[in-house]
Amino acid sequence: MQPIGLYIHVPFCVRKCRYCDFYSVTDLSLTDLYTSAVIRNIKAYDYGFDTVYFGGGTPSLLTPQQIGAILSAADIATDTEISMECNPNSVTENYLREVRSAGINRLSFGVQSFDDDELKMLGRLHNSAQAIATIETAKKVGFDNISADLMLAVSGQTFESLRRSLDAVAKLPLTHISAYMLKVEEGTPLATDENLLAQIPDEDDTADMYLEAVRKLDAAGFEQYEISNFARDGFECRHNLKYWRCEEYLGVGPAAHSFVNGNRFACPKNLSSFISSEIQETIALDEGGSAKEKAMLALRLVKEGLSLAEYPEAEKRGEMLIKNGLLKKEKGTLRLTPEGCLVSNQIICRLI
């Protein structure tokens, strides 16, 4: 059987950030029971894997020994990309050395901003100096594939503070950047804070901030390959590319999603149930892998684009979008321009 991707949702956080709606809990006494449940599920599914991604939550709240035990339970191919999300405040030099020895070869740091006021507003537990030092330490201990998340158009952000964050990125030993525009999610503290909501940049400034980020990241050597993702040559996230290419992956852990054998399913957002079940419960979702879904996801990949050989009808539908600079036609594909990325949903609806 062809190897697939493995996503492991680690549902532990010291505390929730103001903007976050991902499933997590703060009872760290459950990490051993959680780890045992993850190992049971990986063995029960009996797949081989060629990418592994520890997401969260805060995966770096697991010990290196727990990370190693999970990886030892998986049938992992040679040269597998094994990623782990980290918070700058939750790792030490020794911890980074140990998780590298356990098998992690790619780190993704939840930096979000290099502006201390913005970090405080977001509810992050680190400051910009900690983020810089931790990334440099990761490089020092031997990590050659390091990503950082940035958030755009957060409350109180200015073009000056955004440029400072982007300038910091350019000076650090990073190979990948995920740059997301803030989305206010229902049920989060941010959604009910009228003062912070009033400080979010308006639509025009948000669009200009996104375009500024694209320009400055490109100038720093980070090529845009997906709407929100930028990488130095050869350092695109192989695991996340599986999502956008409609390739198979297994999700393990509460709230984890899977796409296997044409079926999409998810584990309920319930850590207690996940721990107590011999095999994780799953909820069936819509069937995946349709031509429409593949086309929609292909358009997110601005470097690869939508194949006109596979979707010839898209060319005529996209003529006006090409004239208006929202799409470009290259090498038999249609690809979103940076301006097109800002209205990608509308473009996808028109083409498909």
Protein backbone atom coordinates (compact mmCIF):
# COMPACT_ATOMS: atom_id res chain seq x y z
CA MET A 1 0.00 0.00 0.00
CA GLN A 2 1.20 3.51 -0.84
CA PRO A 3 2.28 5.46 2.29
CA ILE A 4 -0.06 8.24 3.39
CA GLY A 5 0.21 11.25 5.68
CA LEU A 6 -0.26 11.08 9.45
CA TYR A 7 -1.69 14.02 11.39
CA ILE A 8 -1.62 13.82 15.19
CA HIS A 9 -3.73 16.36 17.07
CA VAL A 10 -2.17 17.14 20.44
CA PRO A 11 -4.99 18.81 22.41
CA PHE A 12 -3.00 20.42 25.23
CA CYS A 13 -2.35 24.10 25.93
CA VAL A 14 -1.16 26.04 28.94
CA ARG A 15 -4.01 28.44 28.17
CA LYS A 16 -6.13 29.42 25.17
CA CYS A 17 -5.16 32.42 23.05
CA ARG A 18 -7.81 35.08 22.49
CA TYR A 19 -8.32 34.26 18.80
CA CYS A 20 -8.03 30.45 18.84
CA ASP A 21 -10.94 28.04 18.30
CA PHE A 22 -8.89 24.84 17.90
CA TYR A 23 -9.81 22.08 20.34
CA SER A 24 -7.55 22.00 23.40
CA VAL A 25 -7.58 21.38 27.16
CA THR A 26 -5.28 22.55 29.96
CA ASP A 27 -5.09 19.35 32.07
CA LEU A 28 -1.52 18.26 31.36
CA SER A 29 -1.83 15.30 33.74
CA LEU A 30 -3.54 13.42 30.88
CA THR A 31 -0.60 13.41 28.47
CA ASP A 32 0.50 9.84 29.30
CA LEU A 33 -3.00 8.43 28.80
CA TYR A 34 -3.34 10.45 25.60
CA THR A 35 0.00 9.15 24.30
CA SER A 36 -1.04 5.54 24.93
CA ALA A 37 -4.30 6.14 23.03
CA VAL A 38 -2.44 7.64 20.07
CA ILE A 39 -0.13 4.62 19.93
CA ARG A 40 -3.11 2.20 20.09
CA ASN A 41 -4.78 3.95 17.16
CA ILE A 42 -1.68 4.16 14.98
CA LYS A 43 -1.12 0.41 15.40
CA ALA A 44 -4.78 -0.42 14.82
CA TYR A 45 -5.02 1.43 11.51
CA ASP A 46 -1.91 -0.31 10.18
CA TYR A 47 -0.88 2.21 7.52
CA GLY A 48 2.56 3.28 6.34
CA PHE A 49 3.37 6.99 6.44
CA ASP A 50 5.60 9.30 4.41
CA THR A 51 4.75 12.54 6.26
CA VAL A 52 3.95 13.07 9.94
CA TYR A 53 2.61 16.27 11.48
CA PHE A 54 2.12 16.95 15.21
CA GLY A 55 -0.42 19.80 15.40
CA GLY A 56 -2.42 21.29 18.19
CA GLY A 57 -2.90 22.60 20.70
CA THR A 58 0.74 22.76 21.73
CA PRO A 59 2.54 19.55 20.72
CA SER A 60 5.72 20.72 22.47
CA LEU A 61 3.93 20.13 25.80
CA LEU A 62 4.52 16.41 25.18
CA THR A 63 7.86 15.12 26.44
CA PRO A 64 10.53 13.99 23.95
CA GLN A 65 9.98 10.48 25.29
CA GLN A 66 6.26 10.64 24.48
CA ILE A 67 7.02 11.99 20.99
CA GLY A 68 9.55 9.20 20.45
CA ALA A 69 7.12 6.51 21.63
CA ILE A 70 4.48 7.72 19.18
CA LEU A 71 6.93 7.77 16.27
CA SER A 72 8.24 4.31 17.19
CA ALA A 73 4.70 2.94 16.87
CA ALA A 74 4.32 4.22 13.29
CA ASP A 75 5.54 2.57 10.11
CA ILE A 76 7.47 5.55 8.76
CA ALA A 77 9.16 5.57 5.35
CA THR A 78 12.75 6.66 4.83
CA ASP A 79 13.23 10.43 4.41
CA THR A 80 9.82 11.18 5.92
CA GLU A 81 9.11 14.80 6.79
CA ILE A 82 8.22 14.79 10.51
CA SER A 83 6.89 18.17 11.67
CA MET A 84 6.01 19.45 15.11
CA GLU A 85 4.33 22.71 16.05
CA CYS A 86 6.00 24.55 18.94
CA ASN A 87 5.45 27.67 20.98
CA PRO A 88 8.63 29.71 21.54
CA ASN A 89 8.05 29.78 25.30
CA SER A 90 7.48 26.02 25.68
CA VAL A 91 10.86 24.65 24.51
CA THR A 92 14.46 24.76 25.74
CA GLU A 93 17.71 23.98 23.97
CA ASN A 94 17.82 20.57 25.63
CA TYR A 95 14.21 19.85 24.69
CA LEU A 96 14.91 20.71 21.05
CA ARG A 97 17.96 18.43 21.03
CA GLU A 98 15.92 15.56 22.47
CA VAL A 99 12.95 15.85 20.08
CA ARG A 100 15.38 15.98 17.19
CA SER A 101 16.93 12.75 18.47
CA ALA A 102 13.40 11.32 18.80
CA GLY A 103 12.83 11.86 15.06
CA ILE A 104 11.40 15.36 14.56
CA ASN A 105 13.10 17.00 11.56
CA ARG A 106 10.86 20.02 10.91
CA LEU A 107 9.65 22.62 13.41
CA SER A 108 6.78 25.06 13.01
CA PHE A 109 6.88 27.90 15.54
CA GLY A 110 3.66 29.72 16.45
CA VAL A 111 5.28 33.15 16.51
CA GLN A 112 2.32 35.16 15.07
CA SER A 113 4.12 38.51 15.42
CA PHE A 114 7.48 40.02 16.34
CA ASP A 115 5.75 43.01 17.93
CA ASP A 116 5.41 42.70 21.71
CA ASP A 117 2.20 44.74 21.92
CA GLU A 118 0.55 42.54 19.30
CA LEU A 119 1.72 39.37 21.05
CA LYS A 120 0.26 40.59 24.33
CA MET A 121 -3.03 41.46 22.64
CA LEU A 122 -3.22 38.01 21.04
CA GLY A 123 -2.67 36.34 24.40
CA ARG A 124 0.64 34.74 23.44
CA LEU A 125 2.94 33.67 26.27
CA HIS A 126 6.21 34.68 24.57
CA ASN A 127 7.73 37.96 23.49
CA SER A 128 9.62 38.80 20.31
CA ALA A 129 13.06 38.33 21.89
CA GLN A 130 12.09 34.81 23.03
CA ALA A 131 10.84 33.95 19.54
CA ILE A 132 14.07 35.11 17.91
CA ALA A 133 16.25 33.31 20.45
CA THR A 134 14.27 30.06 20.20
CA ILE A 135 14.42 29.97 16.39
CA GLU A 136 18.17 30.60 16.49
CA THR A 137 18.55 27.86 19.10
CA ALA A 138 16.63 25.41 16.90
CA LYS A 139 19.08 26.09 14.09
CA LYS A 140 22.01 25.73 16.50
CA VAL A 141 20.95 22.24 17.63
CA GLY A 142 20.67 21.01 14.03
CA PHE A 143 17.22 21.80 12.62
CA ASP A 144 17.53 22.84 8.98
CA ASN A 145 13.81 23.04 8.23
CA ILE A 146 12.12 25.67 10.42
CA SER A 147 8.79 27.40 9.80
CA ALA A 148 7.10 30.30 11.56
CA ASP A 149 3.48 31.43 11.61
CA LEU A 150 2.62 35.10 11.20
CA MET A 151 -0.81 36.70 11.58
CA LEU A 152 -1.81 39.63 9.38
CA ALA A 153 -4.27 42.43 10.16
CA VAL A 154 -4.54 41.72 13.87
CA SER A 155 -6.01 44.27 16.27
CA GLY A 156 -3.80 47.33 16.46
CA GLN A 157 -1.42 46.22 13.72
CA THR A 158 0.05 48.97 11.57
CA PHE A 159 2.05 48.79 8.36
CA GLU A 160 5.11 49.77 10.40
CA SER A 161 4.66 46.93 12.92
CA LEU A 162 3.97 44.45 10.12
CA ARG A 163 7.15 45.49 8.31
CA ARG A 164 9.14 45.03 11.53
CA SER A 165 7.85 41.45 11.77
CA LEU A 166 8.66 40.76 8.13
CA ASP A 167 12.13 42.26 8.52
CA ALA A 168 12.71 39.98 11.51
CA VAL A 169 11.70 36.96 9.42
CA ALA A 170 14.24 37.86 6.74
CA LYS A 171 17.10 37.83 9.27
CA LEU A 172 16.26 34.48 10.88
CA PRO A 173 17.26 30.94 9.77
CA LEU A 174 13.73 30.15 8.56
CA THR A 175 12.85 28.06 5.52
CA HIS A 176 9.06 28.47 5.54
CA ILE A 177 6.45 31.05 6.54
CA SER A 178 2.70 30.63 7.00
CA ALA A 179 1.11 34.10 6.88
CA TYR A 180 -2.59 34.14 7.72
CA MET A 181 -5.04 37.00 7.84
CA LEU A 182 -6.83 37.11 11.19
CA LYS A 183 -10.23 35.45 11.19
CA VAL A 184 -12.50 36.27 14.12
CA GLU A 185 -14.05 32.96 15.19
CA GLU A 186 -17.36 32.77 17.06
CA GLY A 187 -17.04 31.73 20.70
CA THR A 188 -13.51 33.06 21.15
CA PRO A 189 -12.69 35.86 23.63
CA LEU A 190 -11.68 38.08 20.72
CA ALA A 191 -15.15 37.81 19.19
CA THR A 192 -16.74 39.47 22.23
CA ASP A 193 -14.12 42.16 22.88
CA GLU A 194 -15.55 45.28 21.25
CA ASN A 195 -12.41 47.31 21.93
CA LEU A 196 -10.13 44.83 20.14
CA LEU A 197 -12.62 44.31 17.31
CA ALA A 198 -12.64 48.05 16.68
CA GLN A 199 -8.86 48.01 16.25
CA ILE A 200 -8.80 45.40 13.47
CA PRO A 201 -7.64 47.01 10.20
CA ASP A 202 -10.41 47.60 7.66
CA GLU A 203 -10.77 45.54 4.47
CA ASP A 204 -8.64 47.85 2.33
CA ASP A 205 -5.78 47.96 4.83
CA THR A 206 -6.05 44.20 5.37
CA ALA A 207 -5.69 43.62 1.62
CA ASP A 208 -2.73 45.99 1.42
CA MET A 209 -1.07 44.27 4.41
CA TYR A 210 -1.42 40.90 2.70
CA LEU A 211 0.09 42.23 -0.54
CA GLU A 212 2.91 43.88 1.42
CA ALA A 213 3.65 40.54 3.10
CA VAL A 214 3.74 38.75 -0.27
CA ARG A 215 6.15 41.33 -1.69
CA LYS A 216 8.51 41.43 1.28
CA LEU A 217 8.58 37.66 1.71
CA ASP A 218 9.36 37.22 -1.98
CA ALA A 219 12.18 39.76 -1.70
CA ALA A 220 13.53 37.78 1.28
CA GLY A 221 13.61 34.54 -0.76
CA PHE A 222 10.29 33.01 0.28
CA GLU A 223 8.28 32.02 -2.81
CA GLN A 224 4.52 31.87 -2.43
CA TYR A 225 3.28 28.35 -3.19
CA GLU A 226 -0.15 28.47 -1.55
CA ILE A 227 -2.46 31.34 -0.63
CA SER A 228 -1.04 31.61 2.90
CA ASN A 229 2.26 29.74 2.60
CA PHE A 230 5.73 30.74 1.46
CA ALA A 231 8.93 28.70 1.28
CA ARG A 232 12.54 28.80 0.27
CA ASP A 233 13.25 26.54 -2.69
CA GLY A 234 12.62 22.89 -1.79
CA PHE A 235 11.13 23.60 1.65
CA GLU A 236 7.40 23.52 0.89
CA CYS A 237 5.54 21.62 3.64
CA ARG A 238 5.15 18.14 2.16
CA HIS A 239 2.47 17.16 4.67
CA ASN A 240 0.23 20.16 4.02
CA LEU A 241 0.65 19.67 0.27
CA LYS A 242 -1.22 16.40 0.74
CA TYR A 243 -4.30 18.37 1.85
CA TRP A 244 -4.20 20.69 -1.15
CA ARG A 245 -3.45 17.91 -3.65
CA CYS A 246 -6.32 15.77 -2.30
CA GLU A 247 -3.94 13.03 -1.21
CA GLU A 248 -4.65 10.62 1.62
CA TYR A 249 -3.89 11.21 5.29
CA LEU A 250 -4.94 9.71 8.61
CA GLY A 251 -5.81 11.94 11.55
CA VAL A 252 -5.36 10.60 15.10
CA GLY A 253 -6.52 12.43 18.23
CA PRO A 254 -9.61 14.37 19.31
CA ALA A 255 -10.71 16.80 16.55
CA ALA A 256 -8.35 15.22 13.98
CA HIS A 257 -9.67 14.84 10.42
CA SER A 258 -8.85 12.07 7.93
CA PHE A 259 -9.16 11.39 4.22
CA VAL A 260 -8.70 7.71 3.37
CA ASN A 261 -10.14 5.59 0.55
CA GLY A 262 -12.22 8.49 -0.75
CA ASN A 263 -13.89 9.04 2.64
CA ARG A 264 -13.51 11.99 4.99
CA PHE A 265 -14.09 11.45 8.70
CA ALA A 266 -13.23 13.16 11.98
CA CYS A 267 -12.65 12.22 15.59
CA PRO A 268 -15.02 14.00 18.05
CA LYS A 269 -13.66 16.90 20.10
CA ASN A 270 -13.57 14.86 23.28
CA LEU A 271 -10.28 13.91 24.94
CA SER A 272 -11.90 11.68 27.57
CA SER A 273 -13.66 9.64 24.92
CA PHE A 274 -10.48 9.38 22.86
CA ILE A 275 -8.52 8.10 25.86
CA SER A 276 -11.14 5.59 26.96
CA SER A 277 -11.91 4.12 23.52
CA GLU A 278 -9.90 1.18 22.25
CA ILE A 279 -10.18 2.68 18.76
CA GLN A 280 -11.05 6.35 18.29
CA GLU A 281 -14.66 7.09 17.46
CA THR A 282 -15.16 8.80 14.11
CA ILE A 283 -17.84 10.92 12.49
CA ALA A 284 -18.42 10.42 8.77
CA LEU A 285 -18.09 13.56 6.68
CA ASP A 286 -18.76 14.13 2.98
CA GLU A 287 -17.02 11.94 0.45
CA GLY A 288 -13.81 13.51 -0.76
CA GLY A 289 -11.74 13.62 -3.92
CA SER A 290 -14.39 14.83 -6.38
CA ALA A 291 -13.23 16.68 -9.50
CA LYS A 292 -14.78 19.87 -8.13
CA GLU A 293 -12.96 19.56 -4.83
CA LYS A 294 -9.64 18.80 -6.53
CA ALA A 295 -10.04 21.86 -8.75
CA MET A 296 -10.90 24.08 -5.78
CA LEU A 297 -7.84 22.92 -3.84
CA ALA A 298 -5.57 23.14 -6.89
CA LEU A 299 -6.39 26.82 -7.23
CA ARG A 300 -5.09 27.41 -3.71
CA LEU A 301 -1.70 26.18 -4.91
CA VAL A 302 -0.58 29.35 -6.62
CA LYS A 303 2.71 27.81 -7.76
CA GLU A 304 1.11 24.70 -9.35
CA GLY A 305 -2.31 26.04 -10.31
CA LEU A 306 -5.29 24.47 -12.04
CA SER A 307 -4.46 22.26 -15.04
CA LEU A 308 -6.33 23.41 -18.15
CA ALA A 309 -5.81 19.97 -19.67
CA GLU A 310 -7.96 18.55 -16.85
CA TYR A 311 -10.37 21.50 -16.60
CA PRO A 312 -10.50 23.08 -20.09
CA GLU A 313 -13.78 24.89 -19.36
CA ALA A 314 -12.01 27.05 -16.76
CA GLU A 315 -10.03 28.98 -19.39
CA LYS A 316 -13.04 30.68 -20.96
CA ARG A 317 -14.62 31.34 -17.57
CA GLY A 318 -11.39 32.95 -16.41
CA GLU A 319 -10.81 35.29 -19.37
CA MET A 320 -12.07 38.43 -17.63
CA LEU A 321 -10.27 37.49 -14.42
CA ILE A 322 -7.01 37.26 -16.36
CA LYS A 323 -7.63 40.69 -17.92
CA ASN A 324 -8.30 42.14 -14.48
CA GLY A 325 -5.05 40.74 -13.06
CA LEU A 326 -6.66 38.25 -10.68
CA LEU A 327 -5.53 35.16 -12.60
CA LYS A 328 -2.58 34.38 -14.83
CA LYS A 329 -2.28 31.70 -17.47
CA GLU A 330 1.10 29.95 -17.43
CA LYS A 331 2.37 26.61 -18.75
CA GLY A 332 -1.10 25.19 -19.32
CA THR A 333 -2.42 26.26 -15.93
CA LEU A 334 -4.51 28.99 -14.35
CA ARG A 335 -2.95 30.46 -11.22
CA LEU A 336 -4.12 33.06 -8.72
CA THR A 337 -2.15 36.29 -8.56
CA PRO A 338 -1.55 37.84 -5.12
CA GLU A 339 -4.50 40.14 -5.81
CA GLY A 340 -6.56 37.12 -6.82
CA CYS A 341 -5.72 35.39 -3.55
CA LEU A 342 -7.64 38.13 -1.74
CA VAL A 343 -10.86 37.13 -3.51
CA SER A 344 -10.05 33.46 -4.04
CA ASN A 345 -13.47 32.17 -2.92
CA GLN A 346 -15.28 34.26 -5.52
CA ILE A 347 -12.84 33.25 -8.24
CA ILE A 348 -13.14 29.55 -7.39
CA CYS A 349 -16.94 29.82 -7.54
CA ARG A 350 -16.77 31.44 -10.96
CA LEU A 351 -14.35 28.92 -12.44
CA ILE A 352 -15.82 25.70 -11.07
